[in-house]
N, C-alpha and C. Protein backbone atom coordinates (compact mmCIF):
# COMPACT_ATOMS: atom_id res chain seq x y z
N MET A 1 115.75 99.54 97.33
CA MET A 1 114.59 100.34 96.96
C MET A 1 114.20 101.30 98.09
N GLY A 2 114.30 100.84 99.34
CA GLY A 2 113.96 101.70 100.48
C GLY A 2 114.85 102.92 100.54
N TRP A 3 116.13 102.74 100.25
CA TRP A 3 117.08 103.84 100.27
C TRP A 3 116.69 104.88 99.22
N ILE A 4 116.34 104.42 98.02
CA ILE A 4 115.94 105.33 96.94
C ILE A 4 114.65 106.05 97.32
N ALA A 5 113.69 105.31 97.85
CA ALA A 5 112.42 105.92 98.26
C ALA A 5 112.64 106.99 99.32
N GLY A 6 113.52 106.73 100.26
CA GLY A 6 113.82 107.71 101.29
C GLY A 6 114.39 108.99 100.74
N HIS A 7 115.30 108.87 99.81
CA HIS A 7 115.88 110.06 99.21
C HIS A 7 114.85 110.80 98.35
N MET A 8 113.97 110.08 97.69
CA MET A 8 112.91 110.73 96.91
C MET A 8 111.97 111.49 97.84
N MET A 9 111.59 110.87 98.97
CA MET A 9 110.70 111.53 99.93
C MET A 9 111.34 112.79 100.48
N SER A 10 112.64 112.76 100.71
CA SER A 10 113.30 113.93 101.29
C SER A 10 113.30 115.11 100.32
N MET A 11 113.16 114.86 99.04
CA MET A 11 113.13 115.95 98.06
C MET A 11 111.71 116.46 97.82
N LYS A 12 110.69 115.67 98.17
CA LYS A 12 109.30 116.05 97.90
C LYS A 12 108.68 116.59 99.17
N ASN A 13 108.96 117.86 99.47
CA ASN A 13 108.45 118.43 100.70
C ASN A 13 107.56 119.64 100.43
N GLY A 14 106.90 119.70 99.31
CA GLY A 14 106.07 120.83 98.95
C GLY A 14 104.95 121.11 99.93
N ASN A 15 104.40 120.07 100.55
CA ASN A 15 103.34 120.25 101.53
C ASN A 15 103.87 120.54 102.92
N SER A 16 105.13 120.28 103.17
CA SER A 16 105.67 120.39 104.52
C SER A 16 105.53 121.80 105.10
N GLU A 17 105.78 122.83 104.31
CA GLU A 17 105.66 124.20 104.83
C GLU A 17 104.23 124.48 105.29
N TRP A 18 103.25 124.09 104.48
CA TRP A 18 101.84 124.27 104.85
C TRP A 18 101.52 123.48 106.11
N ILE A 19 101.94 122.22 106.14
CA ILE A 19 101.67 121.36 107.30
C ILE A 19 102.31 121.95 108.55
N PHE A 20 103.54 122.41 108.44
CA PHE A 20 104.21 123.00 109.60
C PHE A 20 103.55 124.29 110.06
N SER A 21 102.98 125.05 109.13
CA SER A 21 102.25 126.26 109.55
C SER A 21 101.03 125.88 110.37
N LEU A 22 100.37 124.77 110.04
CA LEU A 22 99.23 124.29 110.82
C LEU A 22 99.66 123.70 112.16
N LEU A 23 100.81 123.06 112.18
CA LEU A 23 101.35 122.46 113.40
C LEU A 23 101.72 123.53 114.43
N ASP A 24 102.17 124.68 113.96
CA ASP A 24 102.46 125.84 114.80
C ASP A 24 103.39 125.50 115.97
N LEU A 25 104.59 125.04 115.64
CA LEU A 25 105.57 124.68 116.66
C LEU A 25 106.04 125.92 117.42
N LYS A 26 106.28 125.72 118.72
CA LYS A 26 106.81 126.77 119.59
C LYS A 26 108.15 126.32 120.15
N ALA A 27 108.93 127.27 120.62
CA ALA A 27 110.30 127.01 121.08
C ALA A 27 110.38 125.96 122.19
N GLY A 28 109.44 125.88 123.07
CA GLY A 28 109.51 124.93 124.18
C GLY A 28 108.85 123.59 123.91
N ASP A 29 108.30 123.39 122.72
CA ASP A 29 107.53 122.17 122.42
C ASP A 29 108.38 120.91 122.42
N ARG A 30 107.78 119.85 122.94
CA ARG A 30 108.30 118.48 122.80
C ARG A 30 107.41 117.83 121.75
N VAL A 31 108.01 117.36 120.66
CA VAL A 31 107.27 116.95 119.47
C VAL A 31 107.60 115.51 119.12
N LEU A 32 106.60 114.78 118.64
CA LEU A 32 106.77 113.41 118.16
C LEU A 32 106.30 113.32 116.72
N GLU A 33 107.16 112.75 115.86
CA GLU A 33 106.75 112.44 114.48
C GLU A 33 106.62 110.93 114.35
N ILE A 34 105.49 110.49 113.84
CA ILE A 34 105.25 109.08 113.57
C ILE A 34 105.52 108.86 112.09
N GLY A 35 106.43 107.94 111.78
CA GLY A 35 106.78 107.68 110.39
C GLY A 35 107.71 108.75 109.86
N TYR A 36 108.85 108.93 110.49
CA TYR A 36 109.76 110.03 110.14
C TYR A 36 110.49 109.84 108.82
N GLY A 37 110.44 108.66 108.22
CA GLY A 37 111.08 108.47 106.92
C GLY A 37 112.54 108.84 106.96
N SER A 38 112.98 109.64 106.01
CA SER A 38 114.40 110.00 105.90
C SER A 38 114.83 111.07 106.90
N GLY A 39 113.91 111.60 107.71
CA GLY A 39 114.25 112.53 108.77
C GLY A 39 114.26 114.00 108.40
N VAL A 40 113.78 114.34 107.23
CA VAL A 40 113.77 115.74 106.79
C VAL A 40 112.89 116.58 107.71
N ASP A 41 111.69 116.09 108.03
CA ASP A 41 110.78 116.88 108.87
C ASP A 41 111.19 116.85 110.34
N VAL A 42 111.91 115.83 110.78
CA VAL A 42 112.50 115.84 112.12
C VAL A 42 113.46 117.02 112.21
N ALA A 43 114.33 117.15 111.20
CA ALA A 43 115.29 118.26 111.18
C ALA A 43 114.57 119.60 111.13
N ARG A 44 113.52 119.70 110.34
CA ARG A 44 112.76 120.94 110.25
C ARG A 44 112.13 121.29 111.60
N ALA A 45 111.53 120.30 112.26
CA ALA A 45 110.91 120.54 113.57
C ALA A 45 111.95 120.92 114.61
N CYS A 46 113.11 120.32 114.52
CA CYS A 46 114.20 120.59 115.48
C CYS A 46 114.68 122.03 115.39
N GLY A 47 114.44 122.68 114.27
CA GLY A 47 114.82 124.08 114.13
C GLY A 47 114.02 125.01 115.03
N THR A 48 112.84 124.56 115.50
CA THR A 48 111.99 125.37 116.36
C THR A 48 111.79 124.72 117.73
N ALA A 49 111.40 123.47 117.74
CA ALA A 49 111.02 122.78 118.98
C ALA A 49 112.22 122.52 119.88
N ALA A 50 111.95 122.37 121.17
CA ALA A 50 113.00 122.09 122.14
C ALA A 50 113.52 120.66 122.00
N PHE A 51 112.61 119.72 121.66
CA PHE A 51 112.98 118.31 121.57
C PHE A 51 112.07 117.65 120.54
N VAL A 52 112.65 116.80 119.69
CA VAL A 52 111.88 116.09 118.68
C VAL A 52 112.21 114.60 118.77
N ALA A 53 111.17 113.79 118.84
CA ALA A 53 111.34 112.34 118.83
C ALA A 53 110.63 111.79 117.61
N GLY A 54 110.99 110.58 117.25
CA GLY A 54 110.34 109.96 116.10
C GLY A 54 110.33 108.46 116.23
N VAL A 55 109.32 107.85 115.62
CA VAL A 55 109.20 106.40 115.54
C VAL A 55 108.92 106.04 114.08
N ASP A 56 109.66 105.07 113.57
CA ASP A 56 109.44 104.57 112.22
C ASP A 56 109.73 103.07 112.24
N HIS A 57 109.03 102.32 111.41
CA HIS A 57 109.20 100.86 111.41
C HIS A 57 110.31 100.38 110.46
N SER A 58 110.85 101.27 109.64
CA SER A 58 111.82 100.88 108.62
C SER A 58 113.26 101.09 109.09
N ASP A 59 114.05 100.03 109.06
CA ASP A 59 115.46 100.13 109.40
C ASP A 59 116.21 101.03 108.42
N VAL A 60 115.85 100.96 107.14
CA VAL A 60 116.49 101.80 106.12
C VAL A 60 116.23 103.27 106.41
N MET A 61 114.98 103.63 106.72
CA MET A 61 114.64 105.01 107.03
C MET A 61 115.33 105.45 108.33
N HIS A 62 115.41 104.54 109.29
CA HIS A 62 116.06 104.85 110.56
C HIS A 62 117.52 105.24 110.34
N ARG A 63 118.21 104.49 109.49
CA ARG A 63 119.61 104.81 109.20
C ARG A 63 119.74 106.17 108.51
N GLN A 64 118.87 106.44 107.52
CA GLN A 64 118.94 107.73 106.82
C GLN A 64 118.64 108.89 107.77
N ALA A 65 117.58 108.75 108.57
CA ALA A 65 117.19 109.83 109.47
C ALA A 65 118.23 110.05 110.56
N THR A 66 118.83 108.98 111.05
CA THR A 66 119.87 109.10 112.07
C THR A 66 121.08 109.84 111.52
N LYS A 67 121.47 109.50 110.31
CA LYS A 67 122.60 110.18 109.67
C LYS A 67 122.28 111.66 109.46
N ARG A 68 121.08 111.94 108.95
CA ARG A 68 120.68 113.33 108.66
C ARG A 68 120.62 114.17 109.94
N ASN A 69 120.26 113.57 111.06
CA ASN A 69 120.05 114.31 112.31
C ASN A 69 121.11 114.00 113.37
N ALA A 70 122.27 113.54 112.93
CA ALA A 70 123.32 113.08 113.85
C ALA A 70 123.72 114.13 114.88
N ALA A 71 123.90 115.35 114.48
CA ALA A 71 124.34 116.39 115.42
C ALA A 71 123.27 116.65 116.49
N ALA A 72 122.01 116.72 116.07
CA ALA A 72 120.92 116.96 117.02
C ALA A 72 120.73 115.76 117.96
N ILE A 73 120.94 114.56 117.45
CA ILE A 73 120.87 113.36 118.30
C ILE A 73 121.98 113.43 119.35
N GLN A 74 123.17 113.73 118.92
CA GLN A 74 124.31 113.82 119.84
C GLN A 74 124.10 114.92 120.89
N ALA A 75 123.43 116.00 120.50
CA ALA A 75 123.15 117.10 121.43
C ALA A 75 121.97 116.80 122.36
N GLY A 76 121.29 115.68 122.14
CA GLY A 76 120.16 115.31 122.99
C GLY A 76 118.86 116.01 122.64
N ARG A 77 118.80 116.61 121.45
CA ARG A 77 117.58 117.32 121.01
C ARG A 77 116.67 116.46 120.15
N VAL A 78 117.19 115.31 119.68
CA VAL A 78 116.42 114.40 118.83
C VAL A 78 116.63 112.98 119.33
N ASP A 79 115.53 112.20 119.33
CA ASP A 79 115.57 110.77 119.66
C ASP A 79 114.78 110.03 118.59
N LEU A 80 115.43 109.15 117.85
CA LEU A 80 114.76 108.38 116.80
C LEU A 80 114.75 106.91 117.18
N GLN A 81 113.58 106.31 117.12
CA GLN A 81 113.41 104.92 117.51
C GLN A 81 112.82 104.10 116.35
N LEU A 82 113.25 102.85 116.27
CA LEU A 82 112.58 101.87 115.42
C LEU A 82 111.40 101.35 116.21
N GLY A 83 110.24 101.27 115.59
CA GLY A 83 109.09 100.76 116.33
C GLY A 83 107.80 100.95 115.58
N SER A 84 106.73 100.70 116.30
CA SER A 84 105.39 100.75 115.75
C SER A 84 104.61 101.92 116.34
N ALA A 85 103.79 102.53 115.52
CA ALA A 85 102.94 103.63 115.98
C ALA A 85 101.93 103.14 117.01
N SER A 86 101.60 101.86 117.00
CA SER A 86 100.61 101.35 117.94
C SER A 86 101.21 100.96 119.29
N LYS A 87 102.53 101.08 119.42
CA LYS A 87 103.20 100.79 120.69
C LYS A 87 104.41 101.72 120.82
N LEU A 88 104.14 102.94 121.27
CA LEU A 88 105.16 103.98 121.31
C LEU A 88 106.07 103.82 122.53
N PRO A 89 107.39 103.97 122.34
CA PRO A 89 108.35 103.77 123.43
C PRO A 89 108.57 105.01 124.29
N TYR A 90 107.50 105.72 124.61
CA TYR A 90 107.61 106.95 125.38
C TYR A 90 106.59 106.94 126.52
N PRO A 91 106.89 107.68 127.60
CA PRO A 91 105.98 107.70 128.75
C PRO A 91 104.69 108.48 128.48
N ASP A 92 103.74 108.32 129.36
CA ASP A 92 102.47 109.04 129.28
C ASP A 92 102.70 110.54 129.32
N ALA A 93 101.86 111.28 128.60
CA ALA A 93 101.83 112.74 128.62
C ALA A 93 103.22 113.35 128.42
N HIS A 94 103.95 112.87 127.44
CA HIS A 94 105.33 113.27 127.21
C HIS A 94 105.49 114.37 126.16
N PHE A 95 104.52 114.50 125.25
CA PHE A 95 104.66 115.41 124.11
C PHE A 95 103.58 116.48 124.08
N ASP A 96 103.98 117.66 123.56
CA ASP A 96 103.04 118.76 123.36
C ASP A 96 102.32 118.63 122.02
N LYS A 97 103.04 118.09 121.03
CA LYS A 97 102.48 117.96 119.68
C LYS A 97 102.96 116.66 119.05
N ILE A 98 102.06 116.07 118.26
CA ILE A 98 102.38 114.86 117.51
C ILE A 98 101.95 115.10 116.07
N PHE A 99 102.80 114.66 115.13
CA PHE A 99 102.39 114.76 113.74
C PHE A 99 102.83 113.53 112.96
N ALA A 100 102.11 113.29 111.88
CA ALA A 100 102.43 112.21 110.95
C ALA A 100 102.08 112.71 109.56
N ILE A 101 103.03 112.58 108.64
CA ILE A 101 102.82 113.00 107.25
C ILE A 101 102.91 111.77 106.36
N ASN A 102 101.81 111.46 105.72
CA ASN A 102 101.71 110.31 104.80
C ASN A 102 102.12 108.99 105.44
N SER A 103 101.74 108.79 106.68
CA SER A 103 101.96 107.48 107.30
C SER A 103 100.70 106.92 107.95
N ALA A 104 99.78 107.78 108.36
CA ALA A 104 98.57 107.32 109.07
C ALA A 104 97.75 106.33 108.24
N GLN A 105 97.77 106.48 106.93
CA GLN A 105 96.98 105.59 106.08
C GLN A 105 97.54 104.16 106.07
N PHE A 106 98.74 103.97 106.60
CA PHE A 106 99.37 102.65 106.63
C PHE A 106 99.29 101.98 108.00
N TRP A 107 98.75 102.65 108.99
CA TRP A 107 98.67 102.08 110.33
C TRP A 107 97.73 100.88 110.32
N LYS A 108 98.26 99.74 110.72
CA LYS A 108 97.48 98.49 110.67
C LYS A 108 96.32 98.50 111.65
N ASP A 109 96.53 99.01 112.85
CA ASP A 109 95.47 99.07 113.85
C ASP A 109 95.26 100.53 114.21
N GLN A 110 94.47 101.21 113.39
CA GLN A 110 94.31 102.65 113.54
C GLN A 110 93.69 103.02 114.89
N ALA A 111 92.70 102.25 115.35
CA ALA A 111 92.05 102.56 116.63
C ALA A 111 93.06 102.47 117.78
N LYS A 112 93.85 101.41 117.81
CA LYS A 112 94.86 101.24 118.86
C LYS A 112 95.91 102.34 118.78
N THR A 113 96.29 102.73 117.58
CA THR A 113 97.29 103.78 117.39
C THR A 113 96.77 105.12 117.90
N MET A 114 95.51 105.44 117.64
CA MET A 114 94.95 106.71 118.11
C MET A 114 94.94 106.77 119.64
N VAL A 115 94.61 105.66 120.28
CA VAL A 115 94.64 105.59 121.74
C VAL A 115 96.07 105.78 122.25
N GLU A 116 97.03 105.20 121.54
CA GLU A 116 98.44 105.34 121.91
C GLU A 116 98.90 106.79 121.74
N LEU A 117 98.45 107.46 120.70
CA LEU A 117 98.78 108.88 120.53
C LEU A 117 98.24 109.69 121.71
N ALA A 118 97.01 109.40 122.10
CA ALA A 118 96.40 110.10 123.24
C ALA A 118 97.19 109.84 124.52
N ARG A 119 97.71 108.64 124.67
CA ARG A 119 98.46 108.29 125.88
C ARG A 119 99.72 109.15 126.03
N VAL A 120 100.48 109.33 124.95
CA VAL A 120 101.76 110.04 125.04
C VAL A 120 101.62 111.55 124.89
N LEU A 121 100.44 112.04 124.58
CA LEU A 121 100.21 113.47 124.39
C LEU A 121 99.78 114.11 125.71
N LYS A 122 100.34 115.27 126.01
CA LYS A 122 99.97 116.01 127.22
C LYS A 122 98.54 116.52 127.09
N PRO A 123 97.83 116.69 128.21
CA PRO A 123 96.51 117.35 128.15
C PRO A 123 96.65 118.72 127.49
N GLY A 124 95.76 119.02 126.58
CA GLY A 124 95.82 120.27 125.83
C GLY A 124 96.72 120.21 124.62
N GLY A 125 97.45 119.10 124.46
CA GLY A 125 98.34 118.93 123.32
C GLY A 125 97.56 118.72 122.03
N SER A 126 98.27 118.83 120.91
CA SER A 126 97.59 118.69 119.62
C SER A 126 98.25 117.63 118.75
N VAL A 127 97.44 117.09 117.86
CA VAL A 127 97.90 116.10 116.90
C VAL A 127 97.50 116.56 115.51
N LEU A 128 98.38 116.30 114.55
CA LEU A 128 98.13 116.64 113.15
C LEU A 128 98.50 115.42 112.31
N LEU A 129 97.53 114.94 111.54
CA LEU A 129 97.74 113.81 110.65
C LEU A 129 97.49 114.28 109.22
N ALA A 130 98.52 114.24 108.38
CA ALA A 130 98.40 114.70 107.00
C ALA A 130 98.51 113.51 106.06
N VAL A 131 97.62 113.49 105.07
CA VAL A 131 97.60 112.41 104.09
C VAL A 131 97.36 113.00 102.70
N GLN A 132 98.16 112.54 101.76
CA GLN A 132 97.92 112.85 100.35
C GLN A 132 97.77 111.50 99.65
N PRO A 133 96.51 111.10 99.36
CA PRO A 133 96.31 109.80 98.71
C PRO A 133 97.09 109.68 97.41
N ARG A 134 97.67 108.53 97.18
CA ARG A 134 98.50 108.31 95.99
C ARG A 134 97.98 107.20 95.10
N SER A 135 96.76 106.73 95.35
CA SER A 135 96.20 105.69 94.48
C SER A 135 96.01 106.24 93.08
N LYS A 136 95.90 105.36 92.12
CA LYS A 136 95.85 105.74 90.70
C LYS A 136 94.79 106.80 90.41
N ASN A 137 93.61 106.65 90.97
CA ASN A 137 92.50 107.57 90.68
C ASN A 137 92.21 108.52 91.83
N ALA A 138 93.19 108.81 92.65
CA ALA A 138 92.98 109.70 93.80
C ALA A 138 92.53 111.07 93.33
N ASN A 139 91.57 111.63 94.06
CA ASN A 139 91.03 112.95 93.73
C ASN A 139 90.58 113.64 95.02
N GLU A 140 89.90 114.74 94.89
CA GLU A 140 89.46 115.49 96.07
C GLU A 140 88.55 114.64 96.96
N GLU A 141 87.67 113.88 96.38
CA GLU A 141 86.76 113.04 97.17
C GLU A 141 87.53 111.95 97.92
N THR A 142 88.50 111.35 97.27
CA THR A 142 89.35 110.35 97.93
C THR A 142 90.03 110.97 99.14
N THR A 143 90.54 112.18 98.96
CA THR A 143 91.23 112.88 100.04
C THR A 143 90.26 113.20 101.17
N LYS A 144 89.07 113.70 100.84
CA LYS A 144 88.07 114.00 101.88
C LYS A 144 87.71 112.75 102.67
N GLN A 145 87.53 111.63 101.98
CA GLN A 145 87.17 110.38 102.67
C GLN A 145 88.28 109.93 103.61
N ALA A 146 89.53 110.09 103.19
CA ALA A 146 90.66 109.76 104.07
C ALA A 146 90.61 110.63 105.31
N GLY A 147 90.34 111.91 105.14
CA GLY A 147 90.24 112.83 106.27
C GLY A 147 89.09 112.50 107.20
N ILE A 148 87.95 112.14 106.63
CA ILE A 148 86.79 111.77 107.44
C ILE A 148 87.10 110.53 108.28
N GLY A 149 87.76 109.55 107.68
CA GLY A 149 88.12 108.34 108.42
C GLY A 149 89.06 108.64 109.58
N LEU A 150 90.08 109.46 109.34
CA LEU A 150 91.01 109.85 110.41
C LEU A 150 90.30 110.66 111.49
N SER A 151 89.40 111.54 111.08
CA SER A 151 88.65 112.35 112.04
C SER A 151 87.81 111.48 112.96
N LYS A 152 87.14 110.50 112.39
CA LYS A 152 86.32 109.58 113.20
C LYS A 152 87.19 108.78 114.17
N SER A 153 88.33 108.33 113.71
CA SER A 153 89.23 107.56 114.58
C SER A 153 89.75 108.42 115.74
N LEU A 154 90.11 109.65 115.45
CA LEU A 154 90.57 110.55 116.52
C LEU A 154 89.45 110.84 117.53
N SER A 155 88.26 111.12 117.03
CA SER A 155 87.13 111.37 117.92
C SER A 155 86.83 110.15 118.80
N SER A 156 86.88 108.97 118.20
CA SER A 156 86.63 107.74 118.95
C SER A 156 87.67 107.51 120.05
N ALA A 157 88.87 108.02 119.85
CA ALA A 157 89.95 107.87 120.84
C ALA A 157 89.89 108.96 121.92
N GLY A 158 88.90 109.85 121.84
CA GLY A 158 88.72 110.86 122.87
C GLY A 158 89.28 112.24 122.55
N PHE A 159 89.78 112.43 121.34
CA PHE A 159 90.28 113.75 120.96
C PHE A 159 89.11 114.69 120.70
N GLY A 160 89.32 115.98 120.96
CA GLY A 160 88.31 117.00 120.69
C GLY A 160 88.82 117.99 119.66
N ASP A 161 87.97 118.98 119.36
CA ASP A 161 88.31 120.02 118.38
C ASP A 161 88.85 119.42 117.09
N VAL A 162 88.28 118.31 116.66
CA VAL A 162 88.75 117.63 115.45
C VAL A 162 88.23 118.39 114.23
N HIS A 163 89.14 118.73 113.35
CA HIS A 163 88.72 119.37 112.10
C HIS A 163 89.74 119.08 110.99
N MET A 164 89.30 119.30 109.76
CA MET A 164 90.11 119.01 108.58
C MET A 164 90.44 120.30 107.83
N GLU A 165 91.61 120.30 107.23
CA GLU A 165 92.03 121.37 106.32
C GLU A 165 92.45 120.67 105.03
N LEU A 166 91.99 121.19 103.90
CA LEU A 166 92.37 120.65 102.59
C LEU A 166 93.25 121.64 101.85
N ARG A 167 94.18 121.08 101.10
CA ARG A 167 95.05 121.92 100.26
C ARG A 167 95.17 121.26 98.90
N ASP A 168 94.95 122.04 97.86
CA ASP A 168 95.08 121.52 96.52
C ASP A 168 96.55 121.22 96.25
N ALA A 169 96.81 120.04 95.73
CA ALA A 169 98.18 119.63 95.41
C ALA A 169 98.10 118.59 94.30
N LYS A 170 99.23 118.27 93.75
CA LYS A 170 99.33 117.25 92.70
C LYS A 170 100.06 116.05 93.26
N PRO A 171 99.68 114.85 92.97
CA PRO A 171 98.64 114.41 92.04
C PRO A 171 97.23 114.47 92.62
N ALA A 172 97.09 114.65 93.93
CA ALA A 172 95.77 114.76 94.56
C ALA A 172 95.89 115.75 95.72
N PRO A 173 94.77 116.32 96.16
CA PRO A 173 94.83 117.22 97.30
C PRO A 173 95.38 116.52 98.55
N THR A 174 95.81 117.32 99.49
CA THR A 174 96.30 116.83 100.78
C THR A 174 95.31 117.24 101.85
N VAL A 175 95.07 116.36 102.81
CA VAL A 175 94.22 116.69 103.94
C VAL A 175 95.05 116.64 105.22
N CYS A 176 94.83 117.62 106.08
CA CYS A 176 95.40 117.62 107.42
C CYS A 176 94.23 117.52 108.39
N VAL A 177 94.29 116.54 109.26
CA VAL A 177 93.30 116.40 110.31
C VAL A 177 93.98 116.82 111.60
N LEU A 178 93.40 117.80 112.25
CA LEU A 178 93.95 118.34 113.49
C LEU A 178 93.00 118.04 114.64
N ALA A 179 93.55 117.80 115.82
CA ALA A 179 92.73 117.51 116.98
C ALA A 179 93.50 117.91 118.23
N ARG A 180 92.78 118.01 119.34
CA ARG A 180 93.36 118.38 120.62
C ARG A 180 92.95 117.37 121.67
N LYS A 181 93.87 117.13 122.61
CA LYS A 181 93.56 116.21 123.71
C LYS A 181 92.94 117.01 124.84
């Protein structure tokens, strides 16, 4: 089932272009994706950024993403790790930008994870957390509440310039919460 889900996720990237426009990657950026899934957005980020790393807890997704990004991994431009968002295997102040697409809502210890994101992000770096609620009755209000919760967690972890962007999408709108360290 994980293999099928990974391939389905890799085909559903309608929000990715919008999210990447908000992420605003630059040629010299060192980027971290939390919950890289099948690795489609790692590959997309690698097209611009100098270096892309990722952490995902699923062995199935790790295999798919590693296969998809094999050339970039071999070239030293991508590093994919199995692990937890609340305990990142990277040094302090290592990344310019961090993003997560449809994974932040699954973080078991959101407060600890936000502190961990702040630890590995360089001063002045930015974080983008995108969520599209998928519950049966998800709607604009559900999406706004998800964004408000993420915004509060980021602020509590010491991030500044926290703000939300909403985009109409199906089956429910998507929210991107952006913040700066």
